[in-house]
Structure formats: C-alpha cells, structure tokens
Amino acid sequence: MKINVIPELKLRNVTKLEKERNRLQKILASERKLSNLLKKEIKWMLALIAPPERLSS
C-alpha cells in the first residue's frame, strides 16, 4: 500500500507545480496582469512598513 501512495503524492505535487507554472506564465504573458500583480505587491509591502497614519491619508 505504501508503494502506491508515493507515486500518487508525486503526481499531486507535479500537478500543483504545473498549475503554478501555468499561472505564472499567464501573468508574464500579460502586461496588464503583471502590472496588477506589481501594484498588489507594492501595496502589501507599504502596508508592512508604513505607519498606520500615513496609510489613511
């Protein structure tokens, strides 16, 4: 039984990696998607480092 579990886990990991690769390729292929992702990342980073009163202005 353990022999069958390992290939199934590997297959699941490969499937997850393929989905992530496809998602990233779509982002890189679209200037709009890449721009939106960068905006989200910048906002997230600013929220981490900016004082709360600066964000509310």
C-alpha atoms as a PDB file:
ATOM      1  CA  MET A   1       0.000   0.000   0.000  1.00  0.00           C
ATOM      2  CA  LYS A   2       2.801   2.450   0.769  1.00  0.00           C
ATOM      3  CA  ILE A   3       4.290   1.764  -2.637  1.00  0.00           C
ATOM      4  CA  ASN A   4       1.181   3.198  -4.321  1.00  0.00           C
ATOM      5  CA  VAL A   5       0.975   6.250  -2.066  1.00  0.00           C
ATOM      6  CA  ILE A   6       4.350   7.674  -3.071  1.00  0.00           C
ATOM      7  CA  PRO A   7       3.616   7.897  -6.816  1.00  0.00           C
ATOM      8  CA  GLU A   8       0.230   9.476  -6.046  1.00  0.00           C
ATOM      9  CA  LEU A   9       1.877  12.126  -3.878  1.00  0.00           C
ATOM     10  CA  LYS A  10       4.458  12.813  -6.558  1.00  0.00           C
ATOM     11  CA  LEU A  11       1.695  13.133  -9.144  1.00  0.00           C
ATOM     12  CA  ARG A  12      -0.191  15.599  -6.941  1.00  0.00           C
ATOM     13  CA  ASN A  13       2.958  17.664  -6.448  1.00  0.00           C
ATOM     14  CA  VAL A  14       3.659  17.686 -10.175  1.00  0.00           C
ATOM     15  CA  THR A  15       0.075  18.739 -10.874  1.00  0.00           C
ATOM     16  CA  LYS A  16       0.341  21.581  -8.349  1.00  0.00           C
ATOM     17  CA  LEU A  17       3.624  22.694  -9.883  1.00  0.00           C
ATOM     18  CA  GLU A  18       2.166  22.598 -13.381  1.00  0.00           C
ATOM     19  CA  LYS A  19      -0.787  24.727 -12.275  1.00  0.00           C
ATOM     20  CA  GLU A  20       1.534  27.238 -10.627  1.00  0.00           C
ATOM     21  CA  ARG A  21       3.772  27.330 -13.704  1.00  0.00           C
ATOM     22  CA  ASN A  22       0.755  27.947 -15.948  1.00  0.00           C
ATOM     23  CA  ARG A  23      -0.482  30.724 -13.657  1.00  0.00           C
ATOM     24  CA  LEU A  24       2.921  32.423 -13.687  1.00  0.00           C
ATOM     25  CA  GLN A  25       3.254  32.080 -17.464  1.00  0.00           C
ATOM     26  CA  LYS A  26      -0.127  33.785 -17.898  1.00  0.00           C
ATOM     27  CA  ILE A  27       0.993  36.647 -15.662  1.00  0.00           C
ATOM     28  CA  LEU A  28       4.243  37.070 -17.574  1.00  0.00           C
ATOM     29  CA  ALA A  29       2.435  36.954 -20.910  1.00  0.00           C
ATOM     30  CA  SER A  30       0.041  39.767 -19.960  1.00  0.00           C
ATOM     31  CA  GLU A  31       1.300  43.278 -19.309  1.00  0.00           C
ATOM     32  CA  ARG A  32      -1.960  44.122 -17.527  1.00  0.00           C
ATOM     33  CA  LYS A  33      -1.783  41.075 -15.225  1.00  0.00           C
ATOM     34  CA  LEU A  34       1.860  41.761 -14.428  1.00  0.00           C
ATOM     35  CA  SER A  35       1.109  45.412 -13.681  1.00  0.00           C
ATOM     36  CA  ASN A  36      -1.800  44.477 -11.412  1.00  0.00           C
ATOM     37  CA  LEU A  37       0.329  41.945  -9.555  1.00  0.00           C
ATOM     38  CA  LEU A  38       3.083  44.506  -9.019  1.00  0.00           C
ATOM     39  CA  LYS A  39       0.555  47.039  -7.708  1.00  0.00           C
ATOM     40  CA  LYS A  40      -0.800  44.491  -5.227  1.00  0.00           C
ATOM     41  CA  GLU A  41       2.703  43.552  -4.078  1.00  0.00           C
ATOM     42  CA  ILE A  42       3.729  47.197  -3.618  1.00  0.00           C
ATOM     43  CA  LYS A  43       0.578  47.953  -1.615  1.00  0.00           C
ATOM     44  CA  TRP A  44       1.219  44.888   0.538  1.00  0.00           C
ATOM     45  CA  MET A  45       4.831  45.931   1.189  1.00  0.00           C
ATOM     46  CA  LEU A  46       3.799  49.504   2.006  1.00  0.00           C
ATOM     47  CA  ALA A  47       1.253  48.201   4.489  1.00  0.00           C
ATOM     48  CA  LEU A  48       4.037  46.301   6.248  1.00  0.00           C
ATOM     49  CA  ILE A  49       6.463  49.207   6.535  1.00  0.00           C
ATOM     50  CA  ALA A  50       4.320  52.367   6.552  1.00  0.00           C
ATOM     51  CA  PRO A  51       2.979  53.827   9.788  1.00  0.00           C
ATOM     52  CA  PRO A  52      -0.839  53.492  10.027  1.00  0.00           C
ATOM     53  CA  GLU A  53      -1.435  57.281   9.948  1.00  0.00           C
ATOM     54  CA  ARG A  54       0.431  57.539   6.647  1.00  0.00           C
ATOM     55  CA  LEU A  55      -1.806  54.925   5.004  1.00  0.00           C
ATOM     56  CA  SER A  56      -5.022  56.734   5.944  1.00  0.00           C
ATOM     57  CA  SER A  57      -4.024  59.985   4.162  1.00  0.00           C
END
